[in-house]
PDB file of N, CA and C in Angstrom:
ATOM      1  N   MET A   1      96.139  97.725  92.230  1.00  0.00           N
ATOM      2  CA  MET A   1      97.532  97.789  92.584  1.00  0.00           C
ATOM      3  C   MET A   1      98.272  97.086  91.594  1.00  0.00           C
ATOM      4  N   ALA A   2      99.428  97.504  91.258  1.00  0.00           N
ATOM      5  CA  ALA A   2     100.335  96.777  90.139  1.00  0.00           C
ATOM      6  C   ALA A   2     101.056  95.759  90.887  1.00  0.00           C
ATOM      7  N   HIS A   3     101.605  94.791  90.002  1.00  0.00           N
ATOM      8  CA  HIS A   3     102.354  93.715  90.446  1.00  0.00           C
ATOM      9  C   HIS A   3     103.848  94.419  90.912  1.00  0.00           C
ATOM     10  N   ALA A   4     104.475  93.944  92.000  1.00  0.00           N
ATOM     11  CA  ALA A   4     105.858  94.304  92.326  1.00  0.00           C
ATOM     12  C   ALA A   4     106.779  93.093  92.424  1.00  0.00           C
ATOM     13  N   THR A   5     107.985  93.310  91.917  1.00  0.00           N
ATOM     14  CA  THR A   5     108.978  92.268  91.895  1.00  0.00           C
ATOM     15  C   THR A   5     110.365  92.993  92.303  1.00  0.00           C
ATOM     16  N   ALA A   6     111.074  92.159  93.107  1.00  0.00           N
ATOM     17  CA  ALA A   6     112.349  92.499  93.546  1.00  0.00           C
ATOM     18  C   ALA A   6     113.274  91.511  92.831  1.00  0.00           C
ATOM     19  N   THR A   7     114.377  91.959  92.089  1.00  0.00           N
ATOM     20  CA  THR A   7     115.343  91.037  91.627  1.00  0.00           C
ATOM     21  C   THR A   7     116.735  91.382  91.769  1.00  0.00           C
ATOM     22  N   VAL A   8     117.478  90.374  91.700  1.00  0.00           N
ATOM     23  CA  VAL A   8     119.122  90.755  91.723  1.00  0.00           C
ATOM     24  C   VAL A   8     119.634  89.820  90.862  1.00  0.00           C
ATOM     25  N   ASN A   9     120.312  90.549  89.625  1.00  0.00           N
ATOM     26  CA  ASN A   9     120.931  89.939  88.576  1.00  0.00           C
ATOM     27  C   ASN A   9     119.957  89.011  87.829  1.00  0.00           C
ATOM     28  N   GLY A  10     118.725  89.398  87.813  1.00  0.00           N
ATOM     29  CA  GLY A  10     117.758  88.663  86.974  1.00  0.00           C
ATOM     30  C   GLY A  10     117.059  87.623  87.832  1.00  0.00           C
ATOM     31  N   VAL A  11     117.515  87.298  89.020  1.00  0.00           N
ATOM     32  CA  VAL A  11     116.695  86.291  89.893  1.00  0.00           C
ATOM     33  C   VAL A  11     115.779  86.946  90.774  1.00  0.00           C
ATOM     34  N   ILE A  12     114.470  86.485  90.752  1.00  0.00           N
ATOM     35  CA  ILE A  12     113.412  86.969  91.478  1.00  0.00           C
ATOM     36  C   ILE A  12     113.576  86.536  92.898  1.00  0.00           C
ATOM     37  N   ILE A  13     113.574  87.650  93.896  1.00  0.00           N
ATOM     38  CA  ILE A  13     113.777  87.176  95.139  1.00  0.00           C
ATOM     39  C   ILE A  13     112.462  87.571  96.076  1.00  0.00           C
ATOM     40  N   ALA A  14     111.547  88.341  95.388  1.00  0.00           N
ATOM     41  CA  ALA A  14     110.324  88.681  96.129  1.00  0.00           C
ATOM     42  C   ALA A  14     109.323  89.094  94.826  1.00  0.00           C
ATOM     43  N   GLU A  15     108.074  88.658  95.012  1.00  0.00           N
ATOM     44  CA  GLU A  15     107.063  89.391  94.112  1.00  0.00           C
ATOM     45  C   GLU A  15     105.665  89.190  94.785  1.00  0.00           C
ATOM     46  N   THR A  16     104.973  90.188  94.413  1.00  0.00           N
ATOM     47  CA  THR A  16     103.436  90.151  95.146  1.00  0.00           C
ATOM     48  C   THR A  16     102.697  91.347  94.294  1.00  0.00           C
ATOM     49  N   ASP A  17     101.235  91.013  94.535  1.00  0.00           N
ATOM     50  CA  ASP A  17     100.208  92.032  94.061  1.00  0.00           C
ATOM     51  C   ASP A  17      99.806  92.739  95.094  1.00  0.00           C
ATOM     52  N   ASP A  18     100.230  92.387  96.352  1.00  0.00           N
ATOM     53  CA  ASP A  18      99.732  93.110  97.669  1.00  0.00           C
ATOM     54  C   ASP A  18     100.727  93.645  98.444  1.00  0.00           C
ATOM     55  N   TYR A  19     101.137  94.865  98.507  1.00  0.00           N
ATOM     56  CA  TYR A  19     102.282  95.415  99.104  1.00  0.00           C
ATOM     57  C   TYR A  19     101.980  96.828  99.549  1.00  0.00           C
ATOM     58  N   GLU A  20     102.822  97.349 100.431  1.00  0.00           N
ATOM     59  CA  GLU A  20     102.453  98.628 101.153  1.00  0.00           C
ATOM     60  C   GLU A  20     103.565  99.603 100.582  1.00  0.00           C
ATOM     61  N   THR A  21     103.352 100.975 100.191  1.00  0.00           N
ATOM     62  CA  THR A  21     104.397 101.825  99.985  1.00  0.00           C
ATOM     63  C   THR A  21     104.535 102.688 101.162  1.00  0.00           C
ATOM     64  N   VAL A  22     105.631 103.036 101.637  1.00  0.00           N
ATOM     65  CA  VAL A  22     105.963 103.893 102.765  1.00  0.00           C
ATOM     66  C   VAL A  22     107.149 104.798 102.329  1.00  0.00           C
ATOM     67  N   GLU A  23     107.116 105.867 102.276  1.00  0.00           N
ATOM     68  CA  GLU A  23     108.337 107.051 102.026  1.00  0.00           C
ATOM     69  C   GLU A  23     108.990 106.505 100.679  1.00  0.00           C
ATOM     70  N   GLY A  24     108.153 106.250  99.689  1.00  0.00           N
ATOM     71  CA  GLY A  24     108.627 105.869  98.602  1.00  0.00           C
ATOM     72  C   GLY A  24     109.206 104.449  98.130  1.00  0.00           C
ATOM     73  N   ASN A  25     109.184 103.577  99.290  1.00  0.00           N
ATOM     74  CA  ASN A  25     109.772 102.200  99.389  1.00  0.00           C
ATOM     75  C   ASN A  25     108.537 101.230  99.218  1.00  0.00           C
ATOM     76  N   ILE A  26     108.854 100.206  98.427  1.00  0.00           N
ATOM     77  CA  ILE A  26     107.709  99.106  98.268  1.00  0.00           C
ATOM     78  C   ILE A  26     108.100  98.183  99.310  1.00  0.00           C
ATOM     79  N   TYR A  27     107.248  97.709 100.194  1.00  0.00           N
ATOM     80  CA  TYR A  27     107.346  96.806 101.295  1.00  0.00           C
ATOM     81  C   TYR A  27     106.541  95.635 100.945  1.00  0.00           C
ATOM     82  N   PHE A  28     107.312  94.457 100.800  1.00  0.00           N
ATOM     83  CA  PHE A  28     106.775  93.091 100.352  1.00  0.00           C
ATOM     84  C   PHE A  28     106.415  92.433 101.594  1.00  0.00           C
ATOM     85  N   PRO A  29     105.027  91.753 101.600  1.00  0.00           N
ATOM     86  CA  PRO A  29     104.610  90.877 102.644  1.00  0.00           C
ATOM     87  C   PRO A  29     105.712  89.763 102.871  1.00  0.00           C
ATOM     88  N   PRO A  30     105.709  89.465 104.095  1.00  0.00           N
ATOM     89  CA  PRO A  30     106.537  88.277 104.437  1.00  0.00           C
ATOM     90  C   PRO A  30     106.530  87.084 103.517  1.00  0.00           C
ATOM     91  N   ALA A  31     105.216  86.639 103.158  1.00  0.00           N
ATOM     92  CA  ALA A  31     105.110  85.589 102.379  1.00  0.00           C
ATOM     93  C   ALA A  31     105.488  85.695 100.858  1.00  0.00           C
ATOM     94  N   ALA A  32     105.846  86.873 100.435  1.00  0.00           N
ATOM     95  CA  ALA A  32     106.221  87.220  99.038  1.00  0.00           C
ATOM     96  C   ALA A  32     107.678  87.052  98.750  1.00  0.00           C
ATOM     97  N   ILE A  33     108.408  87.072 100.007  1.00  0.00           N
ATOM     98  CA  ILE A  33     110.027  86.855  99.746  1.00  0.00           C
ATOM     99  C   ILE A  33     110.144  85.424  99.678  1.00  0.00           C
ATOM    100  N   LYS A  34     111.396  85.146  98.958  1.00  0.00           N
ATOM    101  CA  LYS A  34     111.775  83.764  98.908  1.00  0.00           C
ATOM    102  C   LYS A  34     113.018  83.699  99.912  1.00  0.00           C
ATOM    103  N   GLN A  35     112.559  82.911 100.949  1.00  0.00           N
ATOM    104  CA  GLN A  35     113.308  82.799 102.156  1.00  0.00           C
ATOM    105  C   GLN A  35     114.660  82.372 101.936  1.00  0.00           C
ATOM    106  N   GLU A  36     114.878  81.502 100.920  1.00  0.00           N
ATOM    107  CA  GLU A  36     116.145  80.852 100.813  1.00  0.00           C
ATOM    108  C   GLU A  36     117.435  81.835 100.246  1.00  0.00           C
ATOM    109  N   TYR A  37     116.948  82.971  99.900  1.00  0.00           N
ATOM    110  CA  TYR A  37     117.883  84.062  99.547  1.00  0.00           C
ATOM    111  C   TYR A  37     118.290  84.992 100.611  1.00  0.00           C
ATOM    112  N   PHE A  38     117.500  84.952 101.972  1.00  0.00           N
ATOM    113  CA  PHE A  38     117.505  85.922 102.885  1.00  0.00           C
ATOM    114  C   PHE A  38     118.422  85.274 104.200  1.00  0.00           C
ATOM    115  N   THR A  39     119.226  86.110 104.736  1.00  0.00           N
ATOM    116  CA  THR A  39     119.968  85.728 105.978  1.00  0.00           C
ATOM    117  C   THR A  39     119.783  86.929 106.906  1.00  0.00           C
ATOM    118  N   PRO A  40     119.279  86.851 107.990  1.00  0.00           N
ATOM    119  CA  PRO A  40     119.266  87.862 109.023  1.00  0.00           C
ATOM    120  C   PRO A  40     120.757  88.384 109.426  1.00  0.00           C
ATOM    121  N   THR A  41     120.640  89.684 109.760  1.00  0.00           N
ATOM    122  CA  THR A  41     122.195  90.078 110.064  1.00  0.00           C
ATOM    123  C   THR A  41     121.883  90.792 111.549  1.00  0.00           C
ATOM    124  N   ASP A  42     122.848  91.127 111.902  1.00  0.00           N
ATOM    125  CA  ASP A  42     123.120  91.782 113.330  1.00  0.00           C
ATOM    126  C   ASP A  42     122.709  93.405 113.211  1.00  0.00           C
ATOM    127  N   THR A  43     122.460  93.818 112.146  1.00  0.00           N
ATOM    128  CA  THR A  43     122.376  95.335 112.031  1.00  0.00           C
ATOM    129  C   THR A  43     120.901  95.738 112.405  1.00  0.00           C
ATOM    130  N   HIS A  44     120.765  96.903 112.978  1.00  0.00           N
ATOM    131  CA  HIS A  44     119.528  97.651 113.407  1.00  0.00           C
ATOM    132  C   HIS A  44     119.654  98.903 113.285  1.00  0.00           C
ATOM    133  N   THR A  45     118.505  99.488 112.786  1.00  0.00           N
ATOM    134  CA  THR A  45     118.530 100.952 112.827  1.00  0.00           C
ATOM    135  C   THR A  45     117.283 101.491 113.530  1.00  0.00           C
ATOM    136  N   VAL A  46     117.057 102.833 113.817  1.00  0.00           N
ATOM    137  CA  VAL A  46     115.932 103.212 114.494  1.00  0.00           C
ATOM    138  C   VAL A  46     115.280 104.416 113.686  1.00  0.00           C
ATOM    139  N   CYS A  47     113.908 104.277 113.277  1.00  0.00           N
ATOM    140  CA  CYS A  47     113.305 105.261 112.761  1.00  0.00           C
ATOM    141  C   CYS A  47     112.303 105.932 113.818  1.00  0.00           C
ATOM    142  N   GLY A  48     112.193 107.203 113.899  1.00  0.00           N
ATOM    143  CA  GLY A  48     111.350 107.926 115.159  1.00  0.00           C
ATOM    144  C   GLY A  48     109.884 107.619 114.811  1.00  0.00           C
ATOM    145  N   TRP A  49     109.271 107.176 113.715  1.00  0.00           N
ATOM    146  CA  TRP A  49     107.921 106.861 113.762  1.00  0.00           C
ATOM    147  C   TRP A  49     107.562 105.366 113.360  1.00  0.00           C
ATOM    148  N   LYS A  50     108.571 104.765 112.907  1.00  0.00           N
ATOM    149  CA  LYS A  50     108.323 103.296 112.499  1.00  0.00           C
ATOM    150  C   LYS A  50     108.890 102.419 113.492  1.00  0.00           C
ATOM    151  N   GLY A  51     110.061 102.723 114.173  1.00  0.00           N
ATOM    152  CA  GLY A  51     110.468 101.815 115.184  1.00  0.00           C
ATOM    153  C   GLY A  51     111.759 101.284 114.653  1.00  0.00           C
ATOM    154  N   THR A  52     112.139  99.994 115.339  1.00  0.00           N
ATOM    155  CA  THR A  52     113.524  99.586 115.076  1.00  0.00           C
ATOM    156  C   THR A  52     113.453  98.647 113.926  1.00  0.00           C
ATOM    157  N   ALA A  53     114.369  98.804 113.022  1.00  0.00           N
ATOM    158  CA  ALA A  53     114.293  97.946 111.804  1.00  0.00           C
ATOM    159  C   ALA A  53     115.396  96.987 112.076  1.00  0.00           C
ATOM    160  N   SER A  54     115.181  95.832 111.369  1.00  0.00           N
ATOM    161  CA  SER A  54     116.184  94.527 111.306  1.00  0.00           C
ATOM    162  C   SER A  54     116.541  94.329 109.822  1.00  0.00           C
ATOM    163  N   TYR A  55     117.660  93.827 109.607  1.00  0.00           N
ATOM    164  CA  TYR A  55     118.135  93.701 108.063  1.00  0.00           C
ATOM    165  C   TYR A  55     118.474  92.229 107.839  1.00  0.00           C
ATOM    166  N   TYR A  56     118.401  92.176 106.468  1.00  0.00           N
ATOM    167  CA  TYR A  56     118.791  90.823 105.756  1.00  0.00           C
ATOM    168  C   TYR A  56     119.945  90.867 104.905  1.00  0.00           C
ATOM    169  N   THR A  57     120.760  90.121 104.774  1.00  0.00           N
ATOM    170  CA  THR A  57     121.675  89.914 103.607  1.00  0.00           C
ATOM    171  C   THR A  57     120.965  89.186 102.489  1.00  0.00           C
ATOM    172  N   VAL A  58     120.981  89.586 101.371  1.00  0.00           N
ATOM    173  CA  VAL A  58     120.427  88.707 100.187  1.00  0.00           C
ATOM    174  C   VAL A  58     121.491  88.142  99.393  1.00  0.00           C
ATOM    175  N   ASP A  59     121.417  86.944  99.168  1.00  0.00           N
ATOM    176  CA  ASP A  59     122.514  85.917  98.696  1.00  0.00           C
ATOM    177  C   ASP A  59     121.738  85.074  97.567  1.00  0.00           C
ATOM    178  N   ILE A  60     122.118  85.342  96.190  1.00  0.00           N
ATOM    179  CA  ILE A  60     121.419  84.560  95.258  1.00  0.00           C
ATOM    180  C   ILE A  60     122.358  83.385  94.892  1.00  0.00           C
ATOM    181  N   GLY A  61     123.562  83.260  95.559  1.00  0.00           N
ATOM    182  CA  GLY A  61     124.555  82.219  95.253  1.00  0.00           C
ATOM    183  C   GLY A  61     125.492  82.495  94.050  1.00  0.00           C
ATOM    184  N   ASP A  62     125.518  83.685  93.762  1.00  0.00           N
ATOM    185  CA  ASP A  62     126.652  84.111  92.719  1.00  0.00           C
ATOM    186  C   ASP A  62     127.913  84.557  93.284  1.00  0.00           C
ATOM    187  N   GLY A  63     128.176  84.306  94.624  1.00  0.00           N
ATOM    188  CA  GLY A  63     129.377  84.635  95.178  1.00  0.00           C
ATOM    189  C   GLY A  63     129.597  86.165  95.588  1.00  0.00           C
ATOM    190  N   ALA A  64     128.358  86.893  95.436  1.00  0.00           N
ATOM    191  CA  ALA A  64     128.421  88.265  95.874  1.00  0.00           C
ATOM    192  C   ALA A  64     127.249  88.792  96.568  1.00  0.00           C
ATOM    193  N   PRO A  65     127.238  88.264  97.923  1.00  0.00           N
ATOM    194  CA  PRO A  65     126.103  88.461  98.877  1.00  0.00           C
ATOM    195  C   PRO A  65     126.103  89.938  98.962  1.00  0.00           C
ATOM    196  N   LEU A  66     124.639  90.495  99.062  1.00  0.00           N
ATOM    197  CA  LEU A  66     124.375  91.908  99.329  1.00  0.00           C
ATOM    198  C   LEU A  66     124.219  92.156 100.831  1.00  0.00           C
ATOM    199  N   THR A  67     125.124  92.406 101.551  1.00  0.00           N
ATOM    200  CA  THR A  67     124.890  92.779 102.970  1.00  0.00           C
ATOM    201  C   THR A  67     123.888  93.884 103.384  1.00  0.00           C
ATOM    202  N   ASP A  68     122.900  93.512 104.232  1.00  0.00           N
ATOM    203  CA  ASP A  68     121.960  94.521 104.677  1.00  0.00           C
ATOM    204  C   ASP A  68     121.272  95.192 103.472  1.00  0.00           C
ATOM    205  N   ALA A  69     121.017  94.467 102.609  1.00  0.00           N
ATOM    206  CA  ALA A  69     120.126  94.891 101.216  1.00  0.00           C
ATOM    207  C   ALA A  69     118.820  95.106 101.657  1.00  0.00           C
ATOM    208  N   ALA A  70     118.150  94.411 102.540  1.00  0.00           N
ATOM    209  CA  ALA A  70     116.740  94.403 102.837  1.00  0.00           C
ATOM    210  C   ALA A  70     116.600  94.689 104.240  1.00  0.00           C
ATOM    211  N   TRP A  71     115.487  95.328 104.713  1.00  0.00           N
ATOM    212  CA  TRP A  71     115.122  95.673 105.981  1.00  0.00           C
ATOM    213  C   TRP A  71     113.635  95.429 106.244  1.00  0.00           C
ATOM    214  N   TYR A  72     113.251  95.237 107.549  1.00  0.00           N
ATOM    215  CA  TYR A  72     111.817  95.119 107.896  1.00  0.00           C
ATOM    216  C   TYR A  72     111.859  95.595 109.311  1.00  0.00           C
ATOM    217  N   TYR A  73     110.535  95.608 109.653  1.00  0.00           N
ATOM    218  CA  TYR A  73     110.256  96.098 110.997  1.00  0.00           C
ATOM    219  C   TYR A  73     109.404  94.831 111.748  1.00  0.00           C
ATOM    220  N   PRO A  74     110.049  94.145 112.588  1.00  0.00           N
ATOM    221  CA  PRO A  74     109.462  93.025 113.393  1.00  0.00           C
ATOM    222  C   PRO A  74     108.285  93.447 114.354  1.00  0.00           C
ATOM    223  N   GLU A  75     108.630  94.621 114.920  1.00  0.00           N
ATOM    224  CA  GLU A  75     107.613  95.289 115.915  1.00  0.00           C
ATOM    225  C   GLU A  75     107.515  96.603 115.767  1.00  0.00           C
ATOM    226  N   PRO A  76     106.943  97.067 114.754  1.00  0.00           N
ATOM    227  CA  PRO A  76     106.778  98.551 114.445  1.00  0.00           C
ATOM    228  C   PRO A  76     105.943  99.129 115.458  1.00  0.00           C
ATOM    229  N   MET A  77     106.286 100.541 115.625  1.00  0.00           N
ATOM    230  CA  MET A  77     105.364 101.417 116.267  1.00  0.00           C
ATOM    231  C   MET A  77     103.975 101.353 115.732  1.00  0.00           C
ATOM    232  N   ASP A  78     102.823 101.821 116.540  1.00  0.00           N
ATOM    233  CA  ASP A  78     101.594 101.756 116.000  1.00  0.00           C
ATOM    234  C   ASP A  78     101.482 102.402 114.588  1.00  0.00           C
ATOM    235  N   ALA A  79     101.947 103.699 114.447  1.00  0.00           N
ATOM    236  CA  ALA A  79     101.859 104.311 113.203  1.00  0.00           C
ATOM    237  C   ALA A  79     102.281 103.466 111.913  1.00  0.00           C
ATOM    238  N   ALA A  80     103.035 102.441 112.308  1.00  0.00           N
ATOM    239  CA  ALA A  80     103.600 101.593 110.990  1.00  0.00           C
ATOM    240  C   ALA A  80     103.135 100.141 110.970  1.00  0.00           C
ATOM    241  N   ALA A  81     102.086 100.083 111.843  1.00  0.00           N
ATOM    242  CA  ALA A  81     101.556  98.677 112.153  1.00  0.00           C
ATOM    243  C   ALA A  81     101.249  97.890 110.789  1.00  0.00           C
ATOM    244  N   ASN A  82     100.996  98.770 109.474  1.00  0.00           N
ATOM    245  CA  ASN A  82     100.569  98.075 108.529  1.00  0.00           C
ATOM    246  C   ASN A  82     101.956  97.520 107.692  1.00  0.00           C
ATOM    247  N   ILE A  83     103.060  97.732 108.203  1.00  0.00           N
ATOM    248  CA  ILE A  83     104.184  96.856 107.524  1.00  0.00           C
ATOM    249  C   ILE A  83     105.085  96.104 108.464  1.00  0.00           C
ATOM    250  N   LYS A  84     104.318  95.660 109.490  1.00  0.00           N
ATOM    251  CA  LYS A  84     104.844  94.582 110.357  1.00  0.00           C
ATOM    252  C   LYS A  84     105.385  93.460 109.619  1.00  0.00           C
ATOM    253  N   GLY A  85     106.622  93.237 109.810  1.00  0.00           N
ATOM    254  CA  GLY A  85     107.350  92.058 108.969  1.00  0.00           C
ATOM    255  C   GLY A  85     107.456  92.150 107.646  1.00  0.00           C
ATOM    256  N   TYR A  86     106.830  93.177 107.012  1.00  0.00           N
ATOM    257  CA  TYR A  86     107.297  93.475 105.543  1.00  0.00           C
ATOM    258  C   TYR A  86     108.630  93.757 105.119  1.00  0.00           C
ATOM    259  N   VAL A  87     108.957  93.504 104.022  1.00  0.00           N
ATOM    260  CA  VAL A  87     110.390  93.704 103.686  1.00  0.00           C
ATOM    261  C   VAL A  87     110.562  94.648 102.479  1.00  0.00           C
ATOM    262  N   ALA A  88     111.547  95.715 102.640  1.00  0.00           N
ATOM    263  CA  ALA A  88     111.875  96.587 101.766  1.00  0.00           C
ATOM    264  C   ALA A  88     113.330  96.479 101.366  1.00  0.00           C
ATOM    265  N   PHE A  89     113.667  97.034 100.276  1.00  0.00           N
ATOM    266  CA  PHE A  89     114.977  96.905  99.689  1.00  0.00           C
ATOM    267  C   PHE A  89     115.711  98.305  99.361  1.00  0.00           C
ATOM    268  N   TYR A  90     116.816  98.241  99.315  1.00  0.00           N
ATOM    269  CA  TYR A  90     117.837  99.483  98.888  1.00  0.00           C
ATOM    270  C   TYR A  90     117.883  99.456  97.390  1.00  0.00           C
ATOM    271  N   ALA A  91     117.357 100.424  96.835  1.00  0.00           N
ATOM    272  CA  ALA A  91     117.343 100.388  95.303  1.00  0.00           C
ATOM    273  C   ALA A  91     118.745 100.252  94.878  1.00  0.00           C
ATOM    274  N   ASN A  92     119.638 100.650  95.385  1.00  0.00           N
ATOM    275  CA  ASN A  92     120.913 100.598  94.917  1.00  0.00           C
ATOM    276  C   ASN A  92     121.606  99.196  94.896  1.00  0.00           C
ATOM    277  N   LYS A  93     120.962  98.232  95.552  1.00  0.00           N
ATOM    278  CA  LYS A  93     121.377  96.942  95.716  1.00  0.00           C
ATOM    279  C   LYS A  93     120.388  95.900  95.100  1.00  0.00           C
ATOM    280  N   VAL A  94     119.132  96.272  95.030  1.00  0.00           N
ATOM    281  CA  VAL A  94     118.011  95.296  94.491  1.00  0.00           C
ATOM    282  C   VAL A  94     117.225  95.986  93.364  1.00  0.00           C
ATOM    283  N   ASP A  95     116.892  95.491  92.378  1.00  0.00           N
ATOM    284  CA  ASP A  95     116.008  96.027  91.400  1.00  0.00           C
ATOM    285  C   ASP A  95     114.685  95.901  91.829  1.00  0.00           C
ATOM    286  N   ILE A  96     113.806  96.925  91.806  1.00  0.00           N
ATOM    287  CA  ILE A  96     112.443  96.850  92.083  1.00  0.00           C
ATOM    288  C   ILE A  96     111.628  97.312  90.874  1.00  0.00           C
ATOM    289  N   SER A  97     110.681  96.626  90.606  1.00  0.00           N
ATOM    290  CA  SER A  97     109.609  97.082  89.566  1.00  0.00           C
ATOM    291  C   SER A  97     108.203  96.923  89.996  1.00  0.00           C
ATOM    292  N   SER A  98     107.359  97.907  89.561  1.00  0.00           N
ATOM    293  CA  SER A  98     106.054  97.780  89.940  1.00  0.00           C
ATOM    294  C   SER A  98     105.161  98.505  88.853  1.00  0.00           C
TER     295      SER A  98
END
């Protein structure tokens, strides 16, 4: 598996060699994200097979926080149990390389 990195304006906010790919999105394990850049939001969405997603705002301290740029499934449905707590990012807000 390739190394995966998530960056915002050159700042690494997550990186790992152990991730899951679902529907074309890389999901980073909870230990791979740099918590200091993440703030939970009140946003939630529902996926028919993964369950209810929660969101984070990503803020690297540059004065331009990225609201709801990342999401995760704290209690996914059984079909998505492999991504419990894993974090994915919107490609139009965060640069992902693998």
